[in-house]
Amino acid sequence: MNSESRISELVSRLMDTAAATETITVGRVLQIFGVRGFAFLLMILSILNIVIFMVPFLSFFLGLPMVILTAQMIIGLRAPMFPRVIRTREISRTALLDGLGRAIIWIQRIENYIKPRLPALSAPELMRVHAFAALILAIMVTLPIPVVNVPPSVAILFLAIGILSRDGIFILMGYATGLWCLWLFKSLDHIAHAVAKAA
């Protein structure tokens, strides 16, 4: 990524805004970065869900915008649209600052490996395919299962980074992580059924 779009710089900008205000909403987070592409917003929302997953029910209010974004990508909208109930959802300022402070360290490390590779995987013709994969993952994020909804966010993050930077390796990492998430959720479903029968 070039210097104008480094993820760590965007996260630092969000941290500065959060530090200067008492409360911050999902809508305010989106407003901070202005009018950007779908993949960019997916990246920001996935980062937030990864770093502050411990806040109860927040994954739903971060996952739902991901579902909306990916659905809008599939139907071909040119600009993202969000309902008021999503935009006005508040995020804990303390949790946000603590989470972003930890995240920026590993984000800076990841940035060293991002570069244009395997350009065919980021071709415009494949965007709806990637959006459909991200939609399935976003639905997983919205499920009220503590910690377990973090891996799908990681998969979405990889996909978003790959699309934004035209890095096919990160896109493949997103799909690999997504397949592992499907296996994980399937395994949990089997465990839940086994426990229910034992009871």
C-alpha atoms as a PDB file:
ATOM      1  CA  MET A   1       0.000   0.000   0.000  1.00  0.00           C
ATOM      2  CA  ASN A   2       1.177   3.503  -0.651  1.00  0.00           C
ATOM      3  CA  SER A   3       1.819   6.054   2.072  1.00  0.00           C
ATOM      4  CA  GLU A   4      -1.636   7.600   1.619  1.00  0.00           C
ATOM      5  CA  SER A   5      -3.461   4.391   2.365  1.00  0.00           C
ATOM      6  CA  ARG A   6      -1.365   2.581   4.960  1.00  0.00           C
ATOM      7  CA  ILE A   7      -3.678   0.804   7.355  1.00  0.00           C
ATOM      8  CA  SER A   8      -1.628   1.799  10.400  1.00  0.00           C
ATOM      9  CA  GLU A   9      -2.005   5.494   9.542  1.00  0.00           C
ATOM     10  CA  LEU A  10      -5.766   5.110   9.205  1.00  0.00           C
ATOM     11  CA  VAL A  11      -5.949   3.325  12.557  1.00  0.00           C
ATOM     12  CA  SER A  12      -3.854   6.082  14.160  1.00  0.00           C
ATOM     13  CA  ARG A  13      -6.305   8.633  12.785  1.00  0.00           C
ATOM     14  CA  LEU A  14      -9.199   6.744  14.342  1.00  0.00           C
ATOM     15  CA  MET A  15      -7.338   6.565  17.677  1.00  0.00           C
ATOM     16  CA  ASP A  16      -6.756  10.339  17.660  1.00  0.00           C
ATOM     17  CA  THR A  17     -10.459  10.989  17.065  1.00  0.00           C
ATOM     18  CA  ALA A  18     -11.544   8.516  19.762  1.00  0.00           C
ATOM     19  CA  ALA A  19      -9.145  10.080  22.257  1.00  0.00           C
ATOM     20  CA  ALA A  20     -10.611  13.528  21.634  1.00  0.00           C
ATOM     21  CA  THR A  21     -14.252  12.616  22.245  1.00  0.00           C
ATOM     22  CA  GLU A  22     -16.281  11.075  25.055  1.00  0.00           C
ATOM     23  CA  THR A  23     -18.375   8.790  22.852  1.00  0.00           C
ATOM     24  CA  ILE A  24     -17.943   7.413  19.353  1.00  0.00           C
ATOM     25  CA  THR A  25     -20.529   5.727  17.150  1.00  0.00           C
ATOM     26  CA  VAL A  26     -20.301   3.346  14.203  1.00  0.00           C
ATOM     27  CA  GLY A  27     -21.515   6.195  12.007  1.00  0.00           C
ATOM     28  CA  ARG A  28     -18.769   8.466  13.312  1.00  0.00           C
ATOM     29  CA  VAL A  29     -16.141   5.832  12.527  1.00  0.00           C
ATOM     30  CA  LEU A  30     -17.408   5.644   8.946  1.00  0.00           C
ATOM     31  CA  GLN A  31     -17.575   9.446   8.724  1.00  0.00           C
ATOM     32  CA  ILE A  32     -13.962   9.821   9.847  1.00  0.00           C
ATOM     33  CA  PHE A  33     -12.729   8.201   6.662  1.00  0.00           C
ATOM     34  CA  GLY A  34     -15.143   9.938   4.324  1.00  0.00           C
ATOM     35  CA  VAL A  35     -16.625   8.358   1.211  1.00  0.00           C
ATOM     36  CA  ARG A  36     -14.540   5.261   0.505  1.00  0.00           C
ATOM     37  CA  GLY A  37     -15.001   1.959  -1.280  1.00  0.00           C
ATOM     38  CA  PHE A  38     -16.788  -1.091   0.053  1.00  0.00           C
ATOM     39  CA  ALA A  39     -13.563  -3.050   0.633  1.00  0.00           C
ATOM     40  CA  PHE A  40     -12.114  -0.192   2.659  1.00  0.00           C
ATOM     41  CA  LEU A  41     -15.105  -0.080   5.003  1.00  0.00           C
ATOM     42  CA  LEU A  42     -15.043  -3.881   5.359  1.00  0.00           C
ATOM     43  CA  MET A  43     -11.405  -3.611   6.356  1.00  0.00           C
ATOM     44  CA  ILE A  44     -12.095  -0.972   9.026  1.00  0.00           C
ATOM     45  CA  LEU A  45     -15.107  -2.838  10.469  1.00  0.00           C
ATOM     46  CA  SER A  46     -13.227  -6.145  10.584  1.00  0.00           C
ATOM     47  CA  ILE A  47     -10.291  -4.523  12.376  1.00  0.00           C
ATOM     48  CA  LEU A  48     -12.676  -3.032  14.944  1.00  0.00           C
ATOM     49  CA  ASN A  49     -14.356  -6.384  15.563  1.00  0.00           C
ATOM     50  CA  ILE A  50     -11.000  -8.109  15.994  1.00  0.00           C
ATOM     51  CA  VAL A  51      -9.555  -5.609  18.465  1.00  0.00           C
ATOM     52  CA  ILE A  52     -12.653  -4.971  20.622  1.00  0.00           C
ATOM     53  CA  PHE A  53     -14.438  -8.315  20.384  1.00  0.00           C
ATOM     54  CA  MET A  54     -14.771  -8.457  24.184  1.00  0.00           C
ATOM     55  CA  VAL A  55     -17.526  -5.807  24.227  1.00  0.00           C
ATOM     56  CA  PRO A  56     -20.898  -7.648  24.577  1.00  0.00           C
ATOM     57  CA  PHE A  57     -23.070  -7.713  21.429  1.00  0.00           C
ATOM     58  CA  LEU A  58     -20.740  -5.320  19.581  1.00  0.00           C
ATOM     59  CA  SER A  59     -19.915  -8.001  17.016  1.00  0.00           C
ATOM     60  CA  PHE A  60     -23.559  -7.875  15.919  1.00  0.00           C
ATOM     61  CA  PHE A  61     -23.479  -4.111  15.392  1.00  0.00           C
ATOM     62  CA  LEU A  62     -20.182  -4.369  13.506  1.00  0.00           C
ATOM     63  CA  GLY A  63     -21.105  -7.555  11.660  1.00  0.00           C
ATOM     64  CA  LEU A  64     -24.453  -6.230  10.444  1.00  0.00           C
ATOM     65  CA  PRO A  65     -22.838  -3.361   8.483  1.00  0.00           C
ATOM     66  CA  MET A  66     -20.541  -5.978   6.917  1.00  0.00           C
ATOM     67  CA  VAL A  67     -23.606  -7.963   5.838  1.00  0.00           C
ATOM     68  CA  ILE A  68     -25.148  -4.797   4.399  1.00  0.00           C
ATOM     69  CA  LEU A  69     -21.925  -3.820   2.602  1.00  0.00           C
ATOM     70  CA  THR A  70     -21.379  -7.210   1.021  1.00  0.00           C
ATOM     71  CA  ALA A  71     -25.036  -7.488  -0.032  1.00  0.00           C
ATOM     72  CA  GLN A  72     -24.800  -4.050  -1.659  1.00  0.00           C
ATOM     73  CA  MET A  73     -21.612  -5.143  -3.450  1.00  0.00           C
ATOM     74  CA  ILE A  74     -23.396  -8.198  -4.824  1.00  0.00           C
ATOM     75  CA  ILE A  75     -26.339  -6.204  -6.198  1.00  0.00           C
ATOM     76  CA  GLY A  76     -23.981  -3.621  -7.679  1.00  0.00           C
ATOM     77  CA  LEU A  77     -24.564  -0.432  -5.654  1.00  0.00           C
ATOM     78  CA  ARG A  78     -21.925   2.237  -6.238  1.00  0.00           C
ATOM     79  CA  ALA A  79     -21.892   3.736  -2.730  1.00  0.00           C
ATOM     80  CA  PRO A  80     -22.542   2.200   0.725  1.00  0.00           C
ATOM     81  CA  MET A  81     -25.789   2.980   2.582  1.00  0.00           C
ATOM     82  CA  PHE A  82     -26.520   2.248   6.268  1.00  0.00           C
ATOM     83  CA  PRO A  83     -29.724   2.460   8.354  1.00  0.00           C
ATOM     84  CA  ARG A  84     -29.819   4.893  11.289  1.00  0.00           C
ATOM     85  CA  VAL A  85     -29.914   2.112  13.912  1.00  0.00           C
ATOM     86  CA  ILE A  86     -26.443   1.043  12.774  1.00  0.00           C
ATOM     87  CA  ARG A  87     -24.957   4.523  12.449  1.00  0.00           C
ATOM     88  CA  THR A  88     -26.005   5.590  15.964  1.00  0.00           C
ATOM     89  CA  ARG A  89     -24.667   2.522  17.807  1.00  0.00           C
ATOM     90  CA  GLU A  90     -22.065   3.695  20.360  1.00  0.00           C
ATOM     91  CA  ILE A  91     -18.682   2.010  20.799  1.00  0.00           C
ATOM     92  CA  SER A  92     -16.887   1.965  24.148  1.00  0.00           C
ATOM     93  CA  ARG A  93     -14.171   4.626  23.936  1.00  0.00           C
ATOM     94  CA  THR A  94     -11.883   2.854  26.430  1.00  0.00           C
ATOM     95  CA  ALA A  95     -12.203  -0.532  24.736  1.00  0.00           C
ATOM     96  CA  LEU A  96     -11.663   1.061  21.330  1.00  0.00           C
ATOM     97  CA  LEU A  97      -8.473   2.860  22.361  1.00  0.00           C
ATOM     98  CA  ASP A  98      -7.051  -0.202  24.139  1.00  0.00           C
ATOM     99  CA  GLY A  99      -7.850  -2.493  21.230  1.00  0.00           C
ATOM    100  CA  LEU A 100      -6.498  -0.193  18.529  1.00  0.00           C
ATOM    101  CA  GLY A 101      -3.359   0.426  20.570  1.00  0.00           C
ATOM    102  CA  ARG A 102      -2.631  -3.312  20.549  1.00  0.00           C
ATOM    103  CA  ALA A 103      -3.675  -3.792  16.944  1.00  0.00           C
ATOM    104  CA  ILE A 104      -1.494  -1.111  15.409  1.00  0.00           C
ATOM    105  CA  ILE A 105       1.666  -3.068  16.294  1.00  0.00           C
ATOM    106  CA  TRP A 106       0.767  -6.172  14.291  1.00  0.00           C
ATOM    107  CA  ILE A 107      -0.867  -4.089  11.564  1.00  0.00           C
ATOM    108  CA  GLN A 108       2.480  -2.368  10.949  1.00  0.00           C
ATOM    109  CA  ARG A 109       4.118  -5.773  10.635  1.00  0.00           C
ATOM    110  CA  ILE A 110       1.523  -7.026   8.156  1.00  0.00           C
ATOM    111  CA  GLU A 111       1.991  -3.931   5.994  1.00  0.00           C
ATOM    112  CA  ASN A 112       5.555  -5.009   5.238  1.00  0.00           C
ATOM    113  CA  TYR A 113       4.208  -8.002   3.319  1.00  0.00           C
ATOM    114  CA  ILE A 114       1.475  -6.258   1.317  1.00  0.00           C
ATOM    115  CA  LYS A 115       2.237  -5.725  -2.381  1.00  0.00           C
ATOM    116  CA  PRO A 116       0.520  -6.284  -5.754  1.00  0.00           C
ATOM    117  CA  ARG A 117       0.599 -10.002  -6.589  1.00  0.00           C
ATOM    118  CA  LEU A 118      -1.510 -12.442  -8.631  1.00  0.00           C
ATOM    119  CA  PRO A 119      -3.526  -9.564 -10.179  1.00  0.00           C
ATOM    120  CA  ALA A 120      -6.049 -11.927 -11.789  1.00  0.00           C
ATOM    121  CA  LEU A 121      -7.531 -12.617  -8.344  1.00  0.00           C
ATOM    122  CA  SER A 122      -8.390  -8.939  -7.841  1.00  0.00           C
ATOM    123  CA  ALA A 123      -9.952  -8.473 -11.280  1.00  0.00           C
ATOM    124  CA  PRO A 124     -13.267  -6.544 -11.310  1.00  0.00           C
ATOM    125  CA  GLU A 125     -15.022  -9.606 -12.733  1.00  0.00           C
ATOM    126  CA  LEU A 126     -14.366 -11.471  -9.472  1.00  0.00           C
ATOM    127  CA  MET A 127     -15.598  -8.777  -7.091  1.00  0.00           C
ATOM    128  CA  ARG A 128     -19.076 -10.235  -6.724  1.00  0.00           C
ATOM    129  CA  VAL A 129     -17.569 -13.663  -6.041  1.00  0.00           C
ATOM    130  CA  HIS A 130     -15.421 -12.145  -3.287  1.00  0.00           C
ATOM    131  CA  ALA A 131     -18.451 -10.222  -1.996  1.00  0.00           C
ATOM    132  CA  PHE A 132     -20.497 -13.422  -1.754  1.00  0.00           C
ATOM    133  CA  ALA A 133     -17.702 -15.121   0.226  1.00  0.00           C
ATOM    134  CA  ALA A 134     -17.463 -12.069   2.501  1.00  0.00           C
ATOM    135  CA  LEU A 135     -21.256 -12.100   2.975  1.00  0.00           C
ATOM    136  CA  ILE A 136     -21.151 -15.647   4.356  1.00  0.00           C
ATOM    137  CA  LEU A 137     -18.319 -14.640   6.693  1.00  0.00           C
ATOM    138  CA  ALA A 138     -20.135 -11.461   7.759  1.00  0.00           C
ATOM    139  CA  ILE A 139     -23.187 -13.498   8.736  1.00  0.00           C
ATOM    140  CA  MET A 140     -20.896 -15.589  10.961  1.00  0.00           C
ATOM    141  CA  VAL A 141     -19.602 -12.387  12.580  1.00  0.00           C
ATOM    142  CA  THR A 142     -23.119 -11.334  13.592  1.00  0.00           C
ATOM    143  CA  LEU A 143     -23.752 -14.560  15.509  1.00  0.00           C
ATOM    144  CA  PRO A 144     -23.690 -13.971  19.307  1.00  0.00           C
ATOM    145  CA  ILE A 145     -20.892 -16.446  19.994  1.00  0.00           C
ATOM    146  CA  PRO A 146     -18.048 -14.856  22.023  1.00  0.00           C
ATOM    147  CA  VAL A 147     -14.552 -15.097  20.492  1.00  0.00           C
ATOM    148  CA  VAL A 148     -15.717 -17.478  17.734  1.00  0.00           C
ATOM    149  CA  ASN A 149     -16.832 -14.552  15.567  1.00  0.00           C
ATOM    150  CA  VAL A 150     -13.266 -13.195  15.477  1.00  0.00           C
ATOM    151  CA  PRO A 151     -11.868 -15.691  12.886  1.00  0.00           C
ATOM    152  CA  PRO A 152     -14.466 -14.683  10.238  1.00  0.00           C
ATOM    153  CA  SER A 153     -13.434 -11.062  10.816  1.00  0.00           C
ATOM    154  CA  VAL A 154      -9.819 -12.047  10.171  1.00  0.00           C
ATOM    155  CA  ALA A 155     -10.869 -13.726   6.917  1.00  0.00           C
ATOM    156  CA  ILE A 156     -12.780 -10.595   5.834  1.00  0.00           C
ATOM    157  CA  LEU A 157      -9.770  -8.456   6.755  1.00  0.00           C
ATOM    158  CA  PHE A 158      -7.482 -10.547   4.536  1.00  0.00           C
ATOM    159  CA  LEU A 159      -9.980 -10.370   1.654  1.00  0.00           C
ATOM    160  CA  ALA A 160     -10.382  -6.614   2.012  1.00  0.00           C
ATOM    161  CA  ILE A 161      -6.633  -6.000   2.146  1.00  0.00           C
ATOM    162  CA  GLY A 162      -6.146  -8.197  -0.904  1.00  0.00           C
ATOM    163  CA  ILE A 163      -8.811  -6.361  -2.887  1.00  0.00           C
ATOM    164  CA  LEU A 164      -7.593  -2.888  -1.887  1.00  0.00           C
ATOM    165  CA  SER A 165      -3.913  -3.611  -2.573  1.00  0.00           C
ATOM    166  CA  ARG A 166      -4.461  -6.037  -5.471  1.00  0.00           C
ATOM    167  CA  ASP A 167      -2.592  -8.650  -3.483  1.00  0.00           C
ATOM    168  CA  GLY A 168      -3.804 -12.089  -4.561  1.00  0.00           C
ATOM    169  CA  ILE A 169      -1.893 -13.783  -1.745  1.00  0.00           C
ATOM    170  CA  PHE A 170      -4.004 -11.991   0.862  1.00  0.00           C
ATOM    171  CA  ILE A 171      -7.156 -12.852  -1.074  1.00  0.00           C
ATOM    172  CA  LEU A 172      -6.146 -16.530  -0.980  1.00  0.00           C
ATOM    173  CA  MET A 173      -5.409 -16.193   2.741  1.00  0.00           C
ATOM    174  CA  GLY A 174      -8.910 -14.807   3.177  1.00  0.00           C
ATOM    175  CA  TYR A 175     -10.473 -17.796   1.452  1.00  0.00           C
ATOM    176  CA  ALA A 176      -8.268 -20.260   3.370  1.00  0.00           C
ATOM    177  CA  THR A 177      -9.240 -18.650   6.680  1.00  0.00           C
ATOM    178  CA  GLY A 178     -12.873 -18.605   5.567  1.00  0.00           C
ATOM    179  CA  LEU A 179     -12.843 -22.339   4.821  1.00  0.00           C
ATOM    180  CA  TRP A 180     -11.361 -22.952   8.268  1.00  0.00           C
ATOM    181  CA  CYS A 181     -14.168 -20.844   9.759  1.00  0.00           C
ATOM    182  CA  LEU A 182     -16.773 -22.985   8.006  1.00  0.00           C
ATOM    183  CA  TRP A 183     -15.131 -26.097   9.444  1.00  0.00           C
ATOM    184  CA  LEU A 184     -14.992 -24.486  12.902  1.00  0.00           C
ATOM    185  CA  PHE A 185     -18.675 -23.537  12.888  1.00  0.00           C
ATOM    186  CA  LYS A 186     -19.636 -26.979  11.598  1.00  0.00           C
ATOM    187  CA  SER A 187     -17.613 -28.603  14.392  1.00  0.00           C
ATOM    188  CA  LEU A 188     -19.267 -26.394  17.008  1.00  0.00           C
ATOM    189  CA  ASP A 189     -22.657 -27.354  15.615  1.00  0.00           C
ATOM    190  CA  HIS A 190     -21.813 -31.061  16.016  1.00  0.00           C
ATOM    191  CA  ILE A 191     -20.590 -30.453  19.570  1.00  0.00           C
ATOM    192  CA  ALA A 192     -23.761 -28.543  20.456  1.00  0.00           C
ATOM    193  CA  HIS A 193     -25.938 -31.377  19.132  1.00  0.00           C
ATOM    194  CA  ALA A 194     -23.879 -33.943  21.046  1.00  0.00           C
ATOM    195  CA  VAL A 195     -24.229 -31.994  24.290  1.00  0.00           C
ATOM    196  CA  ALA A 196     -27.968 -31.569  23.721  1.00  0.00           C
ATOM    197  CA  LYS A 197     -28.428 -35.312  23.220  1.00  0.00           C
ATOM    198  CA  ALA A 198     -26.340 -36.112  26.305  1.00  0.00           C
ATOM    199  CA  ALA A 199     -28.484 -33.789  28.382  1.00  0.00           C
END
